[in-house]
C-alpha cells in the first residue's frame, strides 16, 4: 500500500494555513488552492486577472515540478474567481500552460471573496509522478 505524503513547497509558504501544499497518494497529486496574495509580488497584481493567473499557474507548474510532475499530467483544474465575467482574461493566460491536446477537465465558479484580496484561486489534481519525489 502506498504511503500518503504531504509536501511543503517553500515558495508557497508565505500564505501558509492549516493545509499541505501538495498531497501525493501514490496515484494522484493534489495541489491546494493557490492565490496571488500567497506569492511574492502577488499583492501588486490584484485586479489584473491575467497577471494573477500567470503567477498562480507558474506556482502550480513549479510545485508540480518539485515533486516530479509535468503540466501534461494534470487531470482536473478548479478555478475560483471573484468575477466569472472576466474569464476571457484568465483563459488568455491559462491556455499558455498546456499543450492544445492536453487540456485538463475544468470547473470555474464565482466566489464572493478570496484570500488576501485575490481575484483568482486555482487548485489542481494530477496523475502522480513517474519517479519518487524528494522527501
N, C-alpha and C. Protein backbone atom coordinates (compact mmCIF):
# COMPACT_ATOMS: atom_id res chain seq x y z
N UNK A 1 0.84 -1.18 0.00
CA UNK A 1 0.00 0.00 0.00
C UNK A 1 0.89 1.25 0.00
N UNK A 2 0.58 2.17 -0.88
CA UNK A 2 1.34 3.41 -0.99
C UNK A 2 1.09 4.31 0.21
N UNK A 3 2.13 4.98 0.63
CA UNK A 3 2.02 5.92 1.74
C UNK A 3 1.56 7.28 1.23
N UNK A 4 0.72 7.94 1.98
CA UNK A 4 0.31 9.30 1.65
C UNK A 4 1.41 10.23 2.11
N UNK A 5 1.83 11.12 1.21
CA UNK A 5 2.90 12.07 1.52
C UNK A 5 2.37 13.48 1.40
N UNK A 6 2.68 14.29 2.38
CA UNK A 6 2.30 15.70 2.40
C UNK A 6 3.57 16.52 2.25
N UNK A 7 3.59 17.39 1.24
CA UNK A 7 4.81 18.10 0.90
C UNK A 7 4.61 19.60 1.00
N UNK A 8 5.54 20.23 1.71
CA UNK A 8 5.55 21.69 1.79
C UNK A 8 6.43 22.22 0.67
N UNK A 9 5.95 23.21 -0.05
CA UNK A 9 6.70 23.85 -1.13
C UNK A 9 7.16 25.21 -0.61
N UNK A 10 8.48 25.41 -0.48
CA UNK A 10 8.98 26.66 0.12
C UNK A 10 8.39 27.94 -0.48
N UNK A 11 8.23 28.01 -1.79
CA UNK A 11 7.71 29.21 -2.43
C UNK A 11 6.26 29.50 -2.06
N UNK A 12 5.56 28.50 -1.54
CA UNK A 12 4.15 28.65 -1.21
C UNK A 12 3.91 28.81 0.29
N UNK A 13 4.94 28.96 1.05
CA UNK A 13 4.79 29.02 2.49
C UNK A 13 4.41 30.39 3.02
N UNK A 14 4.40 31.43 2.16
CA UNK A 14 4.11 32.78 2.64
C UNK A 14 2.69 32.92 3.17
N UNK A 15 1.74 32.29 2.54
CA UNK A 15 0.36 32.38 2.97
C UNK A 15 -0.10 31.12 3.67
N UNK A 16 0.81 30.44 4.32
CA UNK A 16 0.54 29.11 4.88
C UNK A 16 -0.60 29.10 5.87
N UNK A 17 -1.53 28.21 5.63
CA UNK A 17 -2.65 27.96 6.54
C UNK A 17 -2.57 26.52 7.02
N UNK A 18 -3.63 26.00 7.59
CA UNK A 18 -3.63 24.63 8.10
C UNK A 18 -3.91 23.60 7.00
N UNK A 19 -3.00 23.50 6.05
CA UNK A 19 -3.15 22.56 4.94
C UNK A 19 -1.78 22.25 4.36
N UNK A 20 -1.70 21.19 3.58
CA UNK A 20 -0.48 20.83 2.86
C UNK A 20 -0.52 21.46 1.49
N UNK A 21 0.65 21.87 0.98
CA UNK A 21 0.70 22.45 -0.36
C UNK A 21 0.40 21.38 -1.43
N UNK A 22 1.03 20.21 -1.28
CA UNK A 22 0.83 19.11 -2.22
C UNK A 22 0.66 17.83 -1.41
N UNK A 23 -0.31 17.00 -1.81
CA UNK A 23 -0.50 15.69 -1.20
C UNK A 23 -0.40 14.65 -2.31
N UNK A 24 0.44 13.65 -2.08
CA UNK A 24 0.62 12.54 -3.02
C UNK A 24 0.10 11.27 -2.36
N UNK A 25 -0.67 10.49 -3.11
CA UNK A 25 -1.19 9.24 -2.54
C UNK A 25 -0.73 8.00 -3.30
N UNK A 26 0.26 8.15 -4.16
CA UNK A 26 0.75 7.02 -4.93
C UNK A 26 0.15 6.96 -6.32
N UNK A 27 -1.03 7.52 -6.51
CA UNK A 27 -1.68 7.59 -7.82
C UNK A 27 -1.86 9.02 -8.27
N UNK A 28 -2.29 9.88 -7.36
CA UNK A 28 -2.61 11.26 -7.71
C UNK A 28 -1.80 12.25 -6.87
N UNK A 29 -1.74 13.46 -7.40
CA UNK A 29 -1.17 14.59 -6.67
C UNK A 29 -2.25 15.65 -6.59
N UNK A 30 -2.44 16.19 -5.41
CA UNK A 30 -3.42 17.23 -5.17
C UNK A 30 -2.67 18.49 -4.75
N UNK A 31 -2.88 19.57 -5.48
CA UNK A 31 -2.26 20.85 -5.14
C UNK A 31 -3.34 21.74 -4.54
N UNK A 32 -3.09 22.21 -3.31
CA UNK A 32 -4.05 23.09 -2.64
C UNK A 32 -4.23 24.37 -3.44
N UNK A 33 -5.37 25.02 -3.21
CA UNK A 33 -5.65 26.27 -3.89
C UNK A 33 -4.56 27.30 -3.68
N UNK A 34 -4.18 27.95 -4.75
CA UNK A 34 -3.14 28.98 -4.72
C UNK A 34 -3.75 30.28 -5.19
N UNK A 35 -3.50 31.35 -4.44
CA UNK A 35 -3.93 32.70 -4.80
C UNK A 35 -2.70 33.58 -4.94
N UNK A 36 -2.83 34.64 -5.71
CA UNK A 36 -1.68 35.52 -5.96
C UNK A 36 -1.13 36.13 -4.68
N UNK A 37 -2.00 36.41 -3.71
CA UNK A 37 -1.52 37.05 -2.48
C UNK A 37 -0.58 36.15 -1.69
N UNK A 38 -0.56 34.83 -1.99
CA UNK A 38 0.37 33.90 -1.34
C UNK A 38 1.77 33.95 -1.97
N UNK A 39 1.90 34.66 -3.08
CA UNK A 39 3.14 34.62 -3.85
C UNK A 39 3.87 35.95 -3.82
N UNK A 40 5.18 35.89 -3.96
CA UNK A 40 5.98 37.11 -3.98
C UNK A 40 5.50 38.01 -5.13
N UNK A 41 5.19 39.24 -4.81
CA UNK A 41 4.72 40.20 -5.81
C UNK A 41 3.25 40.06 -6.16
N UNK A 42 2.58 39.10 -5.55
CA UNK A 42 1.19 38.82 -5.90
C UNK A 42 0.21 39.91 -5.52
N UNK A 43 0.43 40.53 -4.38
CA UNK A 43 -0.50 41.58 -3.94
C UNK A 43 -0.52 42.73 -4.93
N UNK A 44 0.61 43.01 -5.55
CA UNK A 44 0.69 44.10 -6.54
C UNK A 44 -0.10 43.78 -7.80
N UNK A 45 -0.39 42.50 -8.02
CA UNK A 45 -1.11 42.08 -9.23
C UNK A 45 -2.62 42.12 -9.07
N UNK A 46 -3.11 42.33 -7.86
CA UNK A 46 -4.57 42.30 -7.64
C UNK A 46 -5.29 43.25 -8.59
N UNK A 47 -6.34 42.73 -9.18
CA UNK A 47 -7.12 43.49 -10.14
C UNK A 47 -6.74 43.17 -11.57
N UNK A 48 -5.54 42.65 -11.79
CA UNK A 48 -5.08 42.26 -13.12
C UNK A 48 -5.23 40.74 -13.22
N UNK A 49 -6.37 40.30 -13.76
CA UNK A 49 -6.69 38.88 -13.81
C UNK A 49 -5.61 38.09 -14.57
N UNK A 50 -5.11 38.62 -15.65
CA UNK A 50 -4.08 37.95 -16.42
C UNK A 50 -2.82 37.74 -15.60
N UNK A 51 -2.37 38.76 -14.90
CA UNK A 51 -1.15 38.66 -14.09
C UNK A 51 -1.36 37.73 -12.91
N UNK A 52 -2.50 37.81 -12.24
CA UNK A 52 -2.78 36.89 -11.14
C UNK A 52 -2.76 35.44 -11.64
N UNK A 53 -3.38 35.20 -12.79
CA UNK A 53 -3.42 33.85 -13.36
C UNK A 53 -2.01 33.38 -13.69
N UNK A 54 -1.21 34.25 -14.28
CA UNK A 54 0.17 33.88 -14.61
C UNK A 54 0.96 33.50 -13.36
N UNK A 55 0.84 34.29 -12.30
CA UNK A 55 1.56 33.99 -11.05
C UNK A 55 1.10 32.65 -10.46
N UNK A 56 -0.21 32.43 -10.43
CA UNK A 56 -0.75 31.22 -9.83
C UNK A 56 -0.39 29.99 -10.68
N UNK A 57 -0.56 30.07 -11.98
CA UNK A 57 -0.24 28.92 -12.84
C UNK A 57 1.26 28.61 -12.82
N UNK A 58 2.10 29.62 -12.74
CA UNK A 58 3.54 29.40 -12.63
C UNK A 58 3.85 28.69 -11.31
N UNK A 59 3.21 29.11 -10.23
CA UNK A 59 3.42 28.46 -8.93
C UNK A 59 2.95 27.01 -8.96
N UNK A 60 1.83 26.74 -9.64
CA UNK A 60 1.35 25.36 -9.78
C UNK A 60 2.35 24.53 -10.57
N UNK A 61 2.81 25.07 -11.69
CA UNK A 61 3.81 24.36 -12.50
C UNK A 61 5.06 24.04 -11.68
N UNK A 62 5.53 25.03 -10.92
CA UNK A 62 6.74 24.84 -10.11
C UNK A 62 6.51 23.85 -8.97
N UNK A 63 5.33 23.89 -8.34
CA UNK A 63 5.01 22.96 -7.25
C UNK A 63 4.97 21.53 -7.78
N UNK A 64 4.35 21.34 -8.93
CA UNK A 64 4.30 20.00 -9.52
C UNK A 64 5.70 19.54 -9.94
N UNK A 65 6.49 20.42 -10.51
CA UNK A 65 7.86 20.07 -10.91
C UNK A 65 8.68 19.65 -9.69
N UNK A 66 8.43 20.28 -8.55
CA UNK A 66 9.13 19.95 -7.31
C UNK A 66 8.93 18.49 -6.93
N UNK A 67 7.79 17.92 -7.28
CA UNK A 67 7.51 16.52 -6.97
C UNK A 67 7.58 15.62 -8.21
N UNK A 68 8.18 16.13 -9.28
CA UNK A 68 8.43 15.32 -10.47
C UNK A 68 7.26 15.14 -11.41
N UNK A 69 6.36 16.12 -11.47
CA UNK A 69 5.17 16.02 -12.31
C UNK A 69 5.13 17.19 -13.28
N UNK A 70 4.84 16.90 -14.55
CA UNK A 70 4.69 17.93 -15.56
C UNK A 70 3.24 18.36 -15.71
N UNK A 71 3.03 19.50 -16.32
CA UNK A 71 1.68 20.04 -16.52
C UNK A 71 0.80 19.10 -17.35
N UNK A 72 1.40 18.30 -18.21
CA UNK A 72 0.62 17.40 -19.06
C UNK A 72 -0.08 16.31 -18.25
N UNK A 73 0.30 16.14 -16.98
CA UNK A 73 -0.30 15.12 -16.13
C UNK A 73 -1.47 15.64 -15.30
N UNK A 74 -1.78 16.94 -15.47
CA UNK A 74 -2.93 17.50 -14.75
C UNK A 74 -4.22 16.95 -15.37
N UNK A 75 -5.08 16.43 -14.52
CA UNK A 75 -6.34 15.85 -14.95
C UNK A 75 -7.52 16.79 -14.75
N UNK A 76 -7.47 17.57 -13.66
CA UNK A 76 -8.60 18.43 -13.30
C UNK A 76 -8.09 19.73 -12.71
N UNK A 77 -8.76 20.81 -13.08
CA UNK A 77 -8.45 22.14 -12.54
C UNK A 77 -9.74 22.73 -12.00
N UNK A 78 -9.67 23.29 -10.80
CA UNK A 78 -10.79 24.03 -10.22
C UNK A 78 -10.37 25.48 -10.10
N UNK A 79 -11.12 26.36 -10.75
CA UNK A 79 -10.83 27.78 -10.74
C UNK A 79 -11.95 28.49 -9.97
N UNK A 80 -11.55 29.34 -9.05
CA UNK A 80 -12.50 30.19 -8.32
C UNK A 80 -12.14 31.63 -8.66
N UNK A 81 -13.13 32.39 -9.06
CA UNK A 81 -12.91 33.79 -9.45
C UNK A 81 -13.92 34.67 -8.73
N UNK A 82 -13.53 35.90 -8.49
CA UNK A 82 -14.48 36.84 -7.89
C UNK A 82 -15.46 37.37 -8.93
N UNK A 83 -15.12 37.21 -10.23
CA UNK A 83 -16.00 37.67 -11.30
C UNK A 83 -15.79 36.80 -12.53
N UNK A 84 -16.67 35.80 -12.73
CA UNK A 84 -16.51 34.91 -13.89
C UNK A 84 -16.76 35.63 -15.21
N UNK A 85 -17.29 36.83 -15.15
CA UNK A 85 -17.43 37.64 -16.36
C UNK A 85 -16.08 38.03 -16.95
N UNK A 86 -15.01 37.83 -16.19
CA UNK A 86 -13.67 38.15 -16.66
C UNK A 86 -12.89 36.88 -17.04
N UNK A 87 -13.60 35.80 -17.30
CA UNK A 87 -12.96 34.53 -17.62
C UNK A 87 -12.09 34.59 -18.87
N UNK A 88 -12.46 35.40 -19.83
CA UNK A 88 -11.64 35.51 -21.05
C UNK A 88 -10.23 36.00 -20.72
N UNK A 89 -10.11 36.89 -19.73
CA UNK A 89 -8.79 37.38 -19.32
C UNK A 89 -7.97 36.24 -18.69
N UNK A 90 -8.63 35.41 -17.90
CA UNK A 90 -7.97 34.24 -17.31
C UNK A 90 -7.56 33.27 -18.41
N UNK A 91 -8.49 32.95 -19.31
CA UNK A 91 -8.23 31.96 -20.36
C UNK A 91 -7.06 32.35 -21.26
N UNK A 92 -6.91 33.64 -21.52
CA UNK A 92 -5.83 34.11 -22.39
C UNK A 92 -4.47 33.66 -21.86
N UNK A 93 -4.31 33.65 -20.55
CA UNK A 93 -3.06 33.22 -19.92
C UNK A 93 -3.06 31.72 -19.65
N UNK A 94 -4.15 31.21 -19.15
CA UNK A 94 -4.30 29.80 -18.76
C UNK A 94 -3.87 28.84 -19.88
N UNK A 95 -4.32 29.08 -21.09
CA UNK A 95 -4.04 28.14 -22.19
C UNK A 95 -2.57 28.05 -22.52
N UNK A 96 -1.78 29.04 -22.17
CA UNK A 96 -0.34 29.00 -22.46
C UNK A 96 0.40 27.96 -21.62
N UNK A 97 -0.23 27.44 -20.58
CA UNK A 97 0.41 26.48 -19.70
C UNK A 97 0.15 25.03 -20.09
N UNK A 98 -0.63 24.81 -21.17
CA UNK A 98 -0.98 23.46 -21.59
C UNK A 98 -0.81 23.31 -23.10
N UNK A 99 -0.43 22.11 -23.50
CA UNK A 99 -0.46 21.78 -24.92
C UNK A 99 -1.93 21.71 -25.35
N UNK A 100 -2.21 22.07 -26.59
CA UNK A 100 -3.59 22.10 -27.08
C UNK A 100 -4.28 20.74 -26.96
N UNK A 101 -3.50 19.65 -27.04
CA UNK A 101 -4.08 18.31 -26.96
C UNK A 101 -4.01 17.73 -25.54
N UNK A 102 -3.67 18.57 -24.55
CA UNK A 102 -3.55 18.08 -23.18
C UNK A 102 -4.28 18.97 -22.18
N UNK A 103 -5.39 19.55 -22.62
CA UNK A 103 -6.16 20.40 -21.71
C UNK A 103 -6.89 19.53 -20.70
N UNK A 104 -6.78 19.86 -19.40
CA UNK A 104 -7.47 19.07 -18.38
C UNK A 104 -8.95 19.44 -18.28
N UNK A 105 -9.69 18.61 -17.57
CA UNK A 105 -11.07 18.96 -17.23
C UNK A 105 -11.00 20.19 -16.32
N UNK A 106 -12.05 21.03 -16.37
CA UNK A 106 -12.00 22.25 -15.57
C UNK A 106 -13.39 22.66 -15.11
N UNK A 107 -13.44 23.18 -13.90
CA UNK A 107 -14.63 23.80 -13.34
C UNK A 107 -14.26 25.21 -12.96
N UNK A 108 -15.14 26.16 -13.23
CA UNK A 108 -14.90 27.55 -12.85
C UNK A 108 -16.13 28.05 -12.12
N UNK A 109 -15.93 28.56 -10.91
CA UNK A 109 -17.04 29.07 -10.12
C UNK A 109 -16.73 30.49 -9.66
N UNK A 110 -17.79 31.23 -9.38
CA UNK A 110 -17.64 32.58 -8.87
C UNK A 110 -17.74 32.53 -7.35
N UNK A 111 -16.84 33.27 -6.71
CA UNK A 111 -16.79 33.31 -5.26
C UNK A 111 -16.95 34.75 -4.80
N UNK A 112 -17.60 34.94 -3.67
CA UNK A 112 -17.81 36.28 -3.14
C UNK A 112 -16.54 36.95 -2.67
N UNK A 113 -15.52 36.20 -2.37
CA UNK A 113 -14.26 36.76 -1.91
C UNK A 113 -13.22 35.68 -1.76
N UNK A 114 -11.99 35.99 -2.08
CA UNK A 114 -10.89 35.02 -1.99
C UNK A 114 -9.84 35.55 -1.02
N UNK A 115 -9.02 34.67 -0.53
CA UNK A 115 -7.99 35.01 0.45
C UNK A 115 -7.10 36.15 -0.01
N UNK A 116 -6.80 37.05 0.91
CA UNK A 116 -5.84 38.11 0.65
C UNK A 116 -6.26 39.12 -0.39
N UNK A 117 -7.54 39.16 -0.75
CA UNK A 117 -8.00 40.11 -1.75
C UNK A 117 -7.72 39.68 -3.18
N UNK A 118 -7.32 38.43 -3.36
CA UNK A 118 -7.06 37.91 -4.71
C UNK A 118 -8.36 37.76 -5.49
N UNK A 119 -8.24 37.72 -6.80
CA UNK A 119 -9.40 37.56 -7.68
C UNK A 119 -9.47 36.19 -8.34
N UNK A 120 -8.38 35.42 -8.20
CA UNK A 120 -8.28 34.10 -8.82
C UNK A 120 -7.65 33.13 -7.83
N UNK A 121 -8.27 31.96 -7.67
CA UNK A 121 -7.67 30.86 -6.90
C UNK A 121 -7.79 29.61 -7.75
N UNK A 122 -6.70 28.85 -7.84
CA UNK A 122 -6.69 27.66 -8.68
C UNK A 122 -6.11 26.50 -7.88
N UNK A 123 -6.76 25.35 -7.99
CA UNK A 123 -6.28 24.11 -7.40
C UNK A 123 -6.30 23.04 -8.49
N UNK A 124 -5.40 22.06 -8.38
CA UNK A 124 -5.36 21.02 -9.42
C UNK A 124 -5.22 19.63 -8.82
N UNK A 125 -5.62 18.66 -9.62
CA UNK A 125 -5.40 17.26 -9.34
C UNK A 125 -4.67 16.70 -10.56
N UNK A 126 -3.57 16.00 -10.31
CA UNK A 126 -2.77 15.45 -11.40
C UNK A 126 -2.47 13.98 -11.15
N UNK A 127 -2.12 13.28 -12.20
CA UNK A 127 -1.61 11.92 -12.07
C UNK A 127 -0.25 12.04 -11.40
N UNK A 128 0.03 11.16 -10.46
CA UNK A 128 1.26 11.24 -9.67
C UNK A 128 2.54 11.12 -10.49
N UNK A 129 3.67 11.32 -9.83
CA UNK A 129 4.96 11.31 -10.51
C UNK A 129 5.35 9.91 -10.99
N UNK A 130 6.14 9.88 -12.04
CA UNK A 130 6.63 8.62 -12.54
C UNK A 130 7.91 8.21 -11.83
N UNK A 131 8.43 9.10 -11.00
CA UNK A 131 9.60 8.79 -10.17
C UNK A 131 9.30 9.24 -8.74
N UNK A 132 10.10 8.76 -7.81
CA UNK A 132 9.88 9.12 -6.40
C UNK A 132 10.28 10.57 -6.17
N UNK A 133 9.36 11.41 -5.65
CA UNK A 133 9.69 12.80 -5.38
C UNK A 133 10.59 12.94 -4.17
N UNK A 134 11.22 14.12 -4.00
CA UNK A 134 12.10 14.34 -2.85
C UNK A 134 11.32 14.29 -1.54
N UNK A 135 12.01 13.93 -0.49
CA UNK A 135 11.39 13.87 0.85
C UNK A 135 11.15 15.24 1.41
